[in-house]
Amino acid sequence: WETALKTTVVDMEVGEFRGHKVSIWDLLHSQYIPEENRKEILELYEAGELTLEQVKTVVSTIVTKAVAARAEQTSPVSGPEAEPTGTEAEPNPLHED
């Protein structure tokens, strides 16, 4: 079962995996999968309660959501200073020469 996880690859389009084919094994052991989740997934897979395809889907989903959540946390918050003011480009009809 371990060999199947190491030889089955997923095309991930998030984070450092973008554009790479990554084995399910590597995704399972990445920083994005908490240890308790990894153990649970592996136990269910070993017991035959999850198919390889289901493991692939679950792991891909967890990694995708974790990468998105991390990106959200690290992106700067847009505030009023980030909004452009249109005053420079607007003509002022009160000062006609």
PDB file of N, CA and C in Angstrom:
ATOM      1  N   TRP A   1       0.815  -1.205   0.000  1.00  0.00           N
ATOM      2  CA  TRP A   1       0.000   0.000   0.000  1.00  0.00           C
ATOM      3  C   TRP A   1       0.853   1.261   0.000  1.00  0.00           C
ATOM      4  N   GLU A   2       2.007   1.185   0.669  1.00  0.00           N
ATOM      5  CA  GLU A   2       2.892   2.349   0.722  1.00  0.00           C
ATOM      6  C   GLU A   2       3.439   2.668  -0.677  1.00  0.00           C
ATOM      7  N   THR A   3       3.798   1.628  -1.421  1.00  0.00           N
ATOM      8  CA  THR A   3       4.323   1.808  -2.774  1.00  0.00           C
ATOM      9  C   THR A   3       3.284   2.482  -3.661  1.00  0.00           C
ATOM     10  N   ALA A   4       2.028   2.087  -3.505  1.00  0.00           N
ATOM     11  CA  ALA A   4       0.963   2.702  -4.308  1.00  0.00           C
ATOM     12  C   ALA A   4       0.882   4.197  -4.028  1.00  0.00           C
ATOM     13  N   LEU A   5       1.019   4.584  -2.764  1.00  0.00           N
ATOM     14  CA  LEU A   5       0.963   6.007  -2.407  1.00  0.00           C
ATOM     15  C   LEU A   5       2.175   6.766  -2.951  1.00  0.00           C
ATOM     16  N   LYS A   6       3.317   6.083  -2.990  1.00  0.00           N
ATOM     17  CA  LYS A   6       4.541   6.741  -3.468  1.00  0.00           C
ATOM     18  C   LYS A   6       4.589   6.841  -4.989  1.00  0.00           C
ATOM     19  N   THR A   7       3.898   5.939  -5.686  1.00  0.00           N
ATOM     20  CA  THR A   7       3.969   5.947  -7.149  1.00  0.00           C
ATOM     21  C   THR A   7       2.775   6.634  -7.812  1.00  0.00           C
ATOM     22  N   THR A   8       1.731   6.908  -7.045  1.00  0.00           N
ATOM     23  CA  THR A   8       0.564   7.607  -7.599  1.00  0.00           C
ATOM     24  C   THR A   8       0.792   9.106  -7.436  1.00  0.00           C
ATOM     25  N   VAL A   9       0.783   9.816  -8.564  1.00  0.00           N
ATOM     26  CA  VAL A   9       1.062  11.248  -8.504  1.00  0.00           C
ATOM     27  C   VAL A   9      -0.177  12.076  -8.802  1.00  0.00           C
ATOM     28  N   VAL A  10      -0.163  13.270  -8.257  1.00  0.00           N
ATOM     29  CA  VAL A  10      -1.260  14.219  -8.415  1.00  0.00           C
ATOM     30  C   VAL A  10      -0.668  15.482  -9.024  1.00  0.00           C
ATOM     31  N   ASP A  11      -1.412  16.102  -9.923  1.00  0.00           N
ATOM     32  CA  ASP A  11      -1.001  17.376 -10.504  1.00  0.00           C
ATOM     33  C   ASP A  11      -1.567  18.482  -9.621  1.00  0.00           C
ATOM     34  N   MET A  12      -0.733  19.085  -8.799  1.00  0.00           N
ATOM     35  CA  MET A  12      -1.209  20.127  -7.885  1.00  0.00           C
ATOM     36  C   MET A  12      -0.954  21.500  -8.499  1.00  0.00           C
ATOM     37  N   GLU A  13      -1.898  22.410  -8.308  1.00  0.00           N
ATOM     38  CA  GLU A  13      -1.746  23.752  -8.857  1.00  0.00           C
ATOM     39  C   GLU A  13      -1.760  24.809  -7.756  1.00  0.00           C
ATOM     40  N   VAL A  14      -1.220  24.456  -6.593  1.00  0.00           N
ATOM     41  CA  VAL A  14      -1.197  25.408  -5.484  1.00  0.00           C
ATOM     42  C   VAL A  14       0.172  25.410  -4.804  1.00  0.00           C
ATOM     43  N   GLY A  15       0.476  26.551  -4.179  1.00  0.00           N
ATOM     44  CA  GLY A  15       1.679  26.661  -3.368  1.00  0.00           C
ATOM     45  C   GLY A  15       2.941  26.249  -4.091  1.00  0.00           C
ATOM     46  N   GLU A  16       3.848  25.650  -3.319  1.00  0.00           N
ATOM     47  CA  GLU A  16       5.133  25.251  -3.905  1.00  0.00           C
ATOM     48  C   GLU A  16       5.002  24.064  -4.845  1.00  0.00           C
ATOM     49  N   PHE A  17       3.810  23.433  -4.871  1.00  0.00           N
ATOM     50  CA  PHE A  17       3.592  22.280  -5.749  1.00  0.00           C
ATOM     51  C   PHE A  17       3.120  22.683  -7.140  1.00  0.00           C
ATOM     52  N   ARG A  18       2.837  23.970  -7.335  1.00  0.00           N
ATOM     53  CA  ARG A  18       2.273  24.454  -8.604  1.00  0.00           C
ATOM     54  C   ARG A  18       3.105  23.982  -9.795  1.00  0.00           C
ATOM     55  N   GLY A  19       2.413  23.343 -10.740  1.00  0.00           N
ATOM     56  CA  GLY A  19       3.071  22.904 -11.961  1.00  0.00           C
ATOM     57  C   GLY A  19       3.876  21.624 -11.822  1.00  0.00           C
ATOM     58  N   HIS A  20       3.799  20.996 -10.649  1.00  0.00           N
ATOM     59  CA  HIS A  20       4.560  19.765 -10.431  1.00  0.00           C
ATOM     60  C   HIS A  20       3.627  18.590 -10.217  1.00  0.00           C
ATOM     61  N   LYS A  21       4.112  17.423 -10.572  1.00  0.00           N
ATOM     62  CA  LYS A  21       3.401  16.199 -10.223  1.00  0.00           C
ATOM     63  C   LYS A  21       4.000  15.739  -8.900  1.00  0.00           C
ATOM     64  N   VAL A  22       3.151  15.535  -7.909  1.00  0.00           N
ATOM     65  CA  VAL A  22       3.608  15.193  -6.573  1.00  0.00           C
ATOM     66  C   VAL A  22       2.958  13.882  -6.158  1.00  0.00           C
ATOM     67  N   SER A  23       3.735  12.995  -5.529  1.00  0.00           N
ATOM     68  CA  SER A  23       3.154  11.732  -5.088  1.00  0.00           C
ATOM     69  C   SER A  23       2.221  11.979  -3.906  1.00  0.00           C
ATOM     70  N   ILE A  24       1.228  11.122  -3.786  1.00  0.00           N
ATOM     71  CA  ILE A  24       0.296  11.231  -2.663  1.00  0.00           C
ATOM     72  C   ILE A  24       1.068  11.107  -1.354  1.00  0.00           C
ATOM     73  N   TRP A  25       2.083  10.240  -1.352  1.00  0.00           N
ATOM     74  CA  TRP A  25       2.921  10.056  -0.161  1.00  0.00           C
ATOM     75  C   TRP A  25       3.573  11.381   0.259  1.00  0.00           C
ATOM     76  N   ASP A  26       4.153  12.098  -0.712  1.00  0.00           N
ATOM     77  CA  ASP A  26       4.807  13.373  -0.409  1.00  0.00           C
ATOM     78  C   ASP A  26       3.798  14.417   0.082  1.00  0.00           C
ATOM     79  N   LEU A  27       2.626  14.430  -0.506  1.00  0.00           N
ATOM     80  CA  LEU A  27       1.592  15.360  -0.049  1.00  0.00           C
ATOM     81  C   LEU A  27       1.164  15.033   1.377  1.00  0.00           C
ATOM     82  N   LEU A  28       0.992  13.740   1.642  1.00  0.00           N
ATOM     83  CA  LEU A  28       0.599  13.313   2.987  1.00  0.00           C
ATOM     84  C   LEU A  28       1.618  13.745   4.038  1.00  0.00           C
ATOM     85  N   HIS A  29       2.879  13.759   3.657  1.00  0.00           N
ATOM     86  CA  HIS A  29       3.938  14.104   4.598  1.00  0.00           C
ATOM     87  C   HIS A  29       4.406  15.553   4.455  1.00  0.00           C
ATOM     88  N   SER A  30       3.609  16.360   3.766  1.00  0.00           N
ATOM     89  CA  SER A  30       3.958  17.775   3.622  1.00  0.00           C
ATOM     90  C   SER A  30       3.488  18.542   4.855  1.00  0.00           C
ATOM     91  N   GLN A  31       3.927  19.776   4.943  1.00  0.00           N
ATOM     92  CA  GLN A  31       3.569  20.634   6.074  1.00  0.00           C
ATOM     93  C   GLN A  31       2.072  20.957   6.124  1.00  0.00           C
ATOM     94  N   TYR A  32       1.366  20.695   5.034  1.00  0.00           N
ATOM     95  CA  TYR A  32      -0.048  21.071   4.955  1.00  0.00           C
ATOM     96  C   TYR A  32      -0.998  20.052   5.580  1.00  0.00           C
ATOM     97  N   ILE A  33      -0.509  18.845   5.827  1.00  0.00           N
ATOM     98  CA  ILE A  33      -1.362  17.803   6.412  1.00  0.00           C
ATOM     99  C   ILE A  33      -0.955  17.608   7.865  1.00  0.00           C
ATOM    100  N   PRO A  34      -1.838  17.963   8.791  1.00  0.00           N
ATOM    101  CA  PRO A  34      -1.521  17.750  10.209  1.00  0.00           C
ATOM    102  C   PRO A  34      -1.297  16.264  10.499  1.00  0.00           C
ATOM    103  N   GLU A  35      -0.420  15.971  11.446  1.00  0.00           N
ATOM    104  CA  GLU A  35      -0.044  14.592  11.742  1.00  0.00           C
ATOM    105  C   GLU A  35      -1.243  13.701  12.060  1.00  0.00           C
ATOM    106  N   GLU A  36      -2.200  14.236  12.819  1.00  0.00           N
ATOM    107  CA  GLU A  36      -3.361  13.404  13.171  1.00  0.00           C
ATOM    108  C   GLU A  36      -4.200  13.053  11.940  1.00  0.00           C
ATOM    109  N   ASN A  37      -4.300  13.996  10.999  1.00  0.00           N
ATOM    110  CA  ASN A  37      -5.015  13.707   9.742  1.00  0.00           C
ATOM    111  C   ASN A  37      -4.279  12.639   8.945  1.00  0.00           C
ATOM    112  N   ARG A  38      -2.954  12.780   8.858  1.00  0.00           N
ATOM    113  CA  ARG A  38      -2.138  11.827   8.109  1.00  0.00           C
ATOM    114  C   ARG A  38      -2.328  10.422   8.672  1.00  0.00           C
ATOM    115  N   LYS A  39      -2.244  10.287   9.998  1.00  0.00           N
ATOM    116  CA  LYS A  39      -2.397   8.969  10.630  1.00  0.00           C
ATOM    117  C   LYS A  39      -3.771   8.378  10.332  1.00  0.00           C
ATOM    118  N   GLU A  40      -4.796   9.205  10.443  1.00  0.00           N
ATOM    119  CA  GLU A  40      -6.166   8.739  10.205  1.00  0.00           C
ATOM    120  C   GLU A  40      -6.350   8.270   8.761  1.00  0.00           C
ATOM    121  N   ILE A  41      -5.852   9.066   7.813  1.00  0.00           N
ATOM    122  CA  ILE A  41      -5.973   8.702   6.394  1.00  0.00           C
ATOM    123  C   ILE A  41      -5.236   7.401   6.107  1.00  0.00           C
ATOM    124  N   LEU A  42      -4.015   7.288   6.635  1.00  0.00           N
ATOM    125  CA  LEU A  42      -3.223   6.073   6.403  1.00  0.00           C
ATOM    126  C   LEU A  42      -3.887   4.843   7.018  1.00  0.00           C
ATOM    127  N   GLU A  43      -4.440   5.003   8.222  1.00  0.00           N
ATOM    128  CA  GLU A  43      -5.129   3.866   8.878  1.00  0.00           C
ATOM    129  C   GLU A  43      -6.340   3.423   8.067  1.00  0.00           C
ATOM    130  N   LEU A  44      -7.136   4.380   7.606  1.00  0.00           N
ATOM    131  CA  LEU A  44      -8.324   4.053   6.821  1.00  0.00           C
ATOM    132  C   LEU A  44      -7.947   3.399   5.493  1.00  0.00           C
ATOM    133  N   TYR A  45      -6.873   3.891   4.892  1.00  0.00           N
ATOM    134  CA  TYR A  45      -6.417   3.323   3.620  1.00  0.00           C
ATOM    135  C   TYR A  45      -5.893   1.902   3.819  1.00  0.00           C
ATOM    136  N   GLU A  46      -5.064   1.712   4.862  1.00  0.00           N
ATOM    137  CA  GLU A  46      -4.532   0.374   5.165  1.00  0.00           C
ATOM    138  C   GLU A  46      -5.646  -0.625   5.449  1.00  0.00           C
ATOM    139  N   ALA A  47      -6.680  -0.154   6.132  1.00  0.00           N
ATOM    140  CA  ALA A  47      -7.793  -1.030   6.500  1.00  0.00           C
ATOM    141  C   ALA A  47      -8.717  -1.317   5.318  1.00  0.00           C
ATOM    142  N   GLY A  48      -8.481  -0.630   4.208  1.00  0.00           N
ATOM    143  CA  GLY A  48      -9.308  -0.852   3.027  1.00  0.00           C
ATOM    144  C   GLY A  48     -10.593  -0.053   3.032  1.00  0.00           C
ATOM    145  N   GLU A  49     -10.707   0.893   3.983  1.00  0.00           N
ATOM    146  CA  GLU A  49     -11.923   1.709   4.053  1.00  0.00           C
ATOM    147  C   GLU A  49     -11.881   2.889   3.081  1.00  0.00           C
ATOM    148  N   LEU A  50     -10.686   3.242   2.641  1.00  0.00           N
ATOM    149  CA  LEU A  50     -10.529   4.285   1.629  1.00  0.00           C
ATOM    150  C   LEU A  50      -9.811   3.679   0.432  1.00  0.00           C
ATOM    151  N   THR A  51     -10.272   4.006  -0.768  1.00  0.00           N
ATOM    152  CA  THR A  51      -9.566   3.566  -1.973  1.00  0.00           C
ATOM    153  C   THR A  51      -8.429   4.540  -2.239  1.00  0.00           C
ATOM    154  N   LEU A  52      -7.529   4.152  -3.115  1.00  0.00           N
ATOM    155  CA  LEU A  52      -6.423   5.034  -3.498  1.00  0.00           C
ATOM    156  C   LEU A  52      -6.962   6.338  -4.074  1.00  0.00           C
ATOM    157  N   GLU A  53      -8.021   6.239  -4.883  1.00  0.00           N
ATOM    158  CA  GLU A  53      -8.630   7.428  -5.495  1.00  0.00           C
ATOM    159  C   GLU A  53      -9.216   8.350  -4.425  1.00  0.00           C
ATOM    160  N   GLN A  54      -9.824   7.772  -3.393  1.00  0.00           N
ATOM    161  CA  GLN A  54     -10.387   8.583  -2.303  1.00  0.00           C
ATOM    162  C   GLN A  54      -9.279   9.280  -1.511  1.00  0.00           C
ATOM    163  N   VAL A  55      -8.195   8.560  -1.264  1.00  0.00           N
ATOM    164  CA  VAL A  55      -7.062   9.156  -0.552  1.00  0.00           C
ATOM    165  C   VAL A  55      -6.520  10.332  -1.363  1.00  0.00           C
ATOM    166  N   LYS A  56      -6.394  10.121  -2.657  1.00  0.00           N
ATOM    167  CA  LYS A  56      -5.899  11.164  -3.566  1.00  0.00           C
ATOM    168  C   LYS A  56      -6.780  12.411  -3.474  1.00  0.00           C
ATOM    169  N   THR A  57      -8.091  12.217  -3.507  1.00  0.00           N
ATOM    170  CA  THR A  57      -9.032  13.332  -3.436  1.00  0.00           C
ATOM    171  C   THR A  57      -8.949  14.052  -2.091  1.00  0.00           C
ATOM    172  N   VAL A  58      -8.954  13.282  -1.015  1.00  0.00           N
ATOM    173  CA  VAL A  58      -8.920  13.868   0.331  1.00  0.00           C
ATOM    174  C   VAL A  58      -7.635  14.671   0.538  1.00  0.00           C
ATOM    175  N   VAL A  59      -6.509  14.077   0.191  1.00  0.00           N
ATOM    176  CA  VAL A  59      -5.218  14.731   0.393  1.00  0.00           C
ATOM    177  C   VAL A  59      -5.111  15.995  -0.467  1.00  0.00           C
ATOM    178  N   SER A  60      -5.519  15.910  -1.719  1.00  0.00           N
ATOM    179  CA  SER A  60      -5.486  17.082  -2.606  1.00  0.00           C
ATOM    180  C   SER A  60      -6.343  18.214  -2.057  1.00  0.00           C
ATOM    181  N   THR A  61      -7.515  17.869  -1.556  1.00  0.00           N
ATOM    182  CA  THR A  61      -8.429  18.866  -1.005  1.00  0.00           C
ATOM    183  C   THR A  61      -7.842  19.535   0.231  1.00  0.00           C
ATOM    184  N   ILE A  62      -7.292  18.736   1.138  1.00  0.00           N
ATOM    185  CA  ILE A  62      -6.708  19.292   2.364  1.00  0.00           C
ATOM    186  C   ILE A  62      -5.563  20.245   2.015  1.00  0.00           C
ATOM    187  N   VAL A  63      -4.682  19.816   1.123  1.00  0.00           N
ATOM    188  CA  VAL A  63      -3.536  20.650   0.749  1.00  0.00           C
ATOM    189  C   VAL A  63      -4.013  21.941   0.082  1.00  0.00           C
ATOM    190  N   THR A  64      -4.961  21.837  -0.847  1.00  0.00           N
ATOM    191  CA  THR A  64      -5.475  23.021  -1.541  1.00  0.00           C
ATOM    192  C   THR A  64      -6.068  24.025  -0.555  1.00  0.00           C
ATOM    193  N   LYS A  65      -6.891  23.530   0.385  1.00  0.00           N
ATOM    194  CA  LYS A  65      -7.509  24.423   1.373  1.00  0.00           C
ATOM    195  C   LYS A  65      -6.471  25.021   2.313  1.00  0.00           C
ATOM    196  N   ALA A  66      -5.475  24.235   2.704  1.00  0.00           N
ATOM    197  CA  ALA A  66      -4.437  24.725   3.612  1.00  0.00           C
ATOM    198  C   ALA A  66      -3.595  25.815   2.952  1.00  0.00           C
ATOM    199  N   VAL A  67      -3.256  25.618   1.682  1.00  0.00           N
ATOM    200  CA  VAL A  67      -2.476  26.614   0.950  1.00  0.00           C
ATOM    201  C   VAL A  67      -3.288  27.904   0.813  1.00  0.00           C
ATOM    202  N   ALA A  68      -4.574  27.771   0.491  1.00  0.00           N
ATOM    203  CA  ALA A  68      -5.442  28.951   0.340  1.00  0.00           C
ATOM    204  C   ALA A  68      -5.569  29.708   1.663  1.00  0.00           C
ATOM    205  N   ALA A  69      -5.736  28.972   2.756  1.00  0.00           N
ATOM    206  CA  ALA A  69      -5.880  29.602   4.072  1.00  0.00           C
ATOM    207  C   ALA A  69      -4.595  30.321   4.456  1.00  0.00           C
ATOM    208  N   ARG A  70      -3.470  29.703   4.158  1.00  0.00           N
ATOM    209  CA  ARG A  70      -2.182  30.305   4.481  1.00  0.00           C
ATOM    210  C   ARG A  70      -1.970  31.574   3.656  1.00  0.00           C
ATOM    211  N   ALA A  71      -2.365  31.552   2.392  1.00  0.00           N
ATOM    212  CA  ALA A  71      -2.220  32.721   1.524  1.00  0.00           C
ATOM    213  C   ALA A  71      -3.090  33.862   2.024  1.00  0.00           C
ATOM    214  N   GLU A  72      -4.267  33.528   2.519  1.00  0.00           N
ATOM    215  CA  GLU A  72      -5.182  34.537   3.052  1.00  0.00           C
ATOM    216  C   GLU A  72      -4.582  35.215   4.273  1.00  0.00           C
ATOM    217  N   GLN A  73      -3.945  34.434   5.134  1.00  0.00           N
ATOM    218  CA  GLN A  73      -3.351  34.967   6.363  1.00  0.00           C
ATOM    219  C   GLN A  73      -2.165  35.873   6.083  1.00  0.00           C
ATOM    220  N   THR A  74      -1.405  35.569   5.037  1.00  0.00           N
ATOM    221  CA  THR A  74      -0.192  36.333   4.773  1.00  0.00           C
ATOM    222  C   THR A  74      -0.403  37.510   3.835  1.00  0.00           C
ATOM    223  N   SER A  75      -1.570  37.581   3.170  1.00  0.00           N
ATOM    224  CA  SER A  75      -1.793  38.694   2.254  1.00  0.00           C
ATOM    225  C   SER A  75      -2.102  39.959   3.063  1.00  0.00           C
ATOM    226  N   PRO A  76      -1.592  41.100   2.609  1.00  0.00           N
ATOM    227  CA  PRO A  76      -1.844  42.345   3.349  1.00  0.00           C
ATOM    228  C   PRO A  76      -3.329  42.714   3.306  1.00  0.00           C
ATOM    229  N   VAL A  77      -3.781  43.268   4.389  1.00  0.00           N
ATOM    230  CA  VAL A  77      -5.180  43.677   4.474  1.00  0.00           C
ATOM    231  C   VAL A  77      -5.333  44.986   3.710  1.00  0.00           C
ATOM    232  N   SER A  78      -6.343  45.053   2.853  1.00  0.00           N
ATOM    233  CA  SER A  78      -6.532  46.283   2.094  1.00  0.00           C
ATOM    234  C   SER A  78      -7.314  47.264   2.950  1.00  0.00           C
ATOM    235  N   GLY A  79      -6.755  48.429   3.123  1.00  0.00           N
ATOM    236  CA  GLY A  79      -7.403  49.456   3.927  1.00  0.00           C
ATOM    237  C   GLY A  79      -7.610  50.689   3.090  1.00  0.00           C
ATOM    238  N   PRO A  80      -8.022  51.778   3.725  1.00  0.00           N
ATOM    239  CA  PRO A  80      -8.276  53.011   2.965  1.00  0.00           C
ATOM    240  C   PRO A  80      -7.021  53.513   2.252  1.00  0.00           C
ATOM    241  N   GLU A  81      -5.833  53.251   2.824  1.00  0.00           N
ATOM    242  CA  GLU A  81      -4.607  53.722   2.177  1.00  0.00           C
ATOM    243  C   GLU A  81      -4.337  52.985   0.875  1.00  0.00           C
ATOM    244  N   ALA A  82      -4.957  51.835   0.702  1.00  0.00           N
ATOM    245  CA  ALA A  82      -4.748  51.069  -0.519  1.00  0.00           C
ATOM    246  C   ALA A  82      -5.682  51.529  -1.642  1.00  0.00           C
ATOM    247  N   GLU A  83      -6.688  52.303  -1.296  1.00  0.00           N
ATOM    248  CA  GLU A  83      -7.640  52.758  -2.315  1.00  0.00           C
ATOM    249  C   GLU A  83      -7.113  54.011  -3.004  1.00  0.00           C
ATOM    250  N   PRO A  84      -7.152  54.012  -4.321  1.00  0.00           N
ATOM    251  CA  PRO A  84      -6.665  55.208  -5.028  1.00  0.00           C
ATOM    252  C   PRO A  84      -7.646  56.364  -4.869  1.00  0.00           C
ATOM    253  N   THR A  85      -7.107  57.548  -4.737  1.00  0.00           N
ATOM    254  CA  THR A  85      -7.989  58.721  -4.673  1.00  0.00           C
ATOM    255  C   THR A  85      -7.989  59.342  -6.058  1.00  0.00           C
ATOM    256  N   GLY A  86      -9.149  59.741  -6.500  1.00  0.00           N
ATOM    257  CA  GLY A  86      -9.282  60.246  -7.862  1.00  0.00           C
ATOM    258  C   GLY A  86      -9.148  61.748  -7.973  1.00  0.00           C
ATOM    259  N   THR A  87      -8.737  62.441  -6.922  1.00  0.00           N
ATOM    260  CA  THR A  87      -8.756  63.907  -6.942  1.00  0.00           C
ATOM    261  C   THR A  87      -7.759  64.516  -7.908  1.00  0.00           C
ATOM    262  N   GLU A  88      -6.594  63.899  -8.106  1.00  0.00           N
ATOM    263  CA  GLU A  88      -5.580  64.487  -8.984  1.00  0.00           C
ATOM    264  C   GLU A  88      -6.064  64.546 -10.431  1.00  0.00           C
ATOM    265  N   ALA A  89      -6.806  63.576 -10.846  1.00  0.00           N
ATOM    266  CA  ALA A  89      -7.222  63.500 -12.238  1.00  0.00           C
ATOM    267  C   ALA A  89      -8.504  64.284 -12.512  1.00  0.00           C
ATOM    268  N   GLU A  90      -9.223  64.641 -11.468  1.00  0.00           N
ATOM    269  CA  GLU A  90     -10.501  65.330 -11.672  1.00  0.00           C
ATOM    270  C   GLU A  90     -10.287  66.822 -11.883  1.00  0.00           C
ATOM    271  N   PRO A  91     -10.915  67.388 -12.903  1.00  0.00           N
ATOM    272  CA  PRO A  91     -10.804  68.843 -13.104  1.00  0.00           C
ATOM    273  C   PRO A  91     -11.594  69.582 -12.027  1.00  0.00           C
ATOM    274  N   ASN A  92     -11.103  70.726 -11.622  1.00  0.00           N
ATOM    275  CA  ASN A  92     -11.773  71.498 -10.590  1.00  0.00           C
ATOM    276  C   ASN A  92     -12.446  72.706 -11.244  1.00  0.00           C
ATOM    277  N   PRO A  93     -13.775  72.667 -11.395  1.00  0.00           N
ATOM    278  CA  PRO A  93     -14.466  73.749 -12.105  1.00  0.00           C
ATOM    279  C   PRO A  93     -14.494  75.084 -11.348  1.00  0.00           C
ATOM    280  N   LEU A  94     -14.142  75.102 -10.060  1.00  0.00           N
ATOM    281  CA  LEU A  94     -14.192  76.338  -9.290  1.00  0.00           C
ATOM    282  C   LEU A  94     -13.049  77.283  -9.606  1.00  0.00           C
ATOM    283  N   HIS A  95     -11.934  76.746 -10.115  1.00  0.00           N
ATOM    284  CA  HIS A  95     -10.769  77.595 -10.385  1.00  0.00           C
ATOM    285  C   HIS A  95     -10.530  77.727 -11.878  1.00  0.00           C
ATOM    286  N   GLU A  96     -11.366  78.505 -12.544  1.00  0.00           N
ATOM    287  CA  GLU A  96     -11.168  78.703 -13.961  1.00  0.00           C
ATOM    288  C   GLU A  96     -10.387  79.996 -14.158  1.00  0.00           C
ATOM    289  N   ASP A  97      -9.351  79.958 -14.936  1.00  0.00           N
ATOM    290  CA  ASP A  97      -8.522  81.148 -15.129  1.00  0.00           C
ATOM    291  C   ASP A  97      -8.932  81.920 -16.358  1.00  0.00           C
TER     292      ASP A  97
END
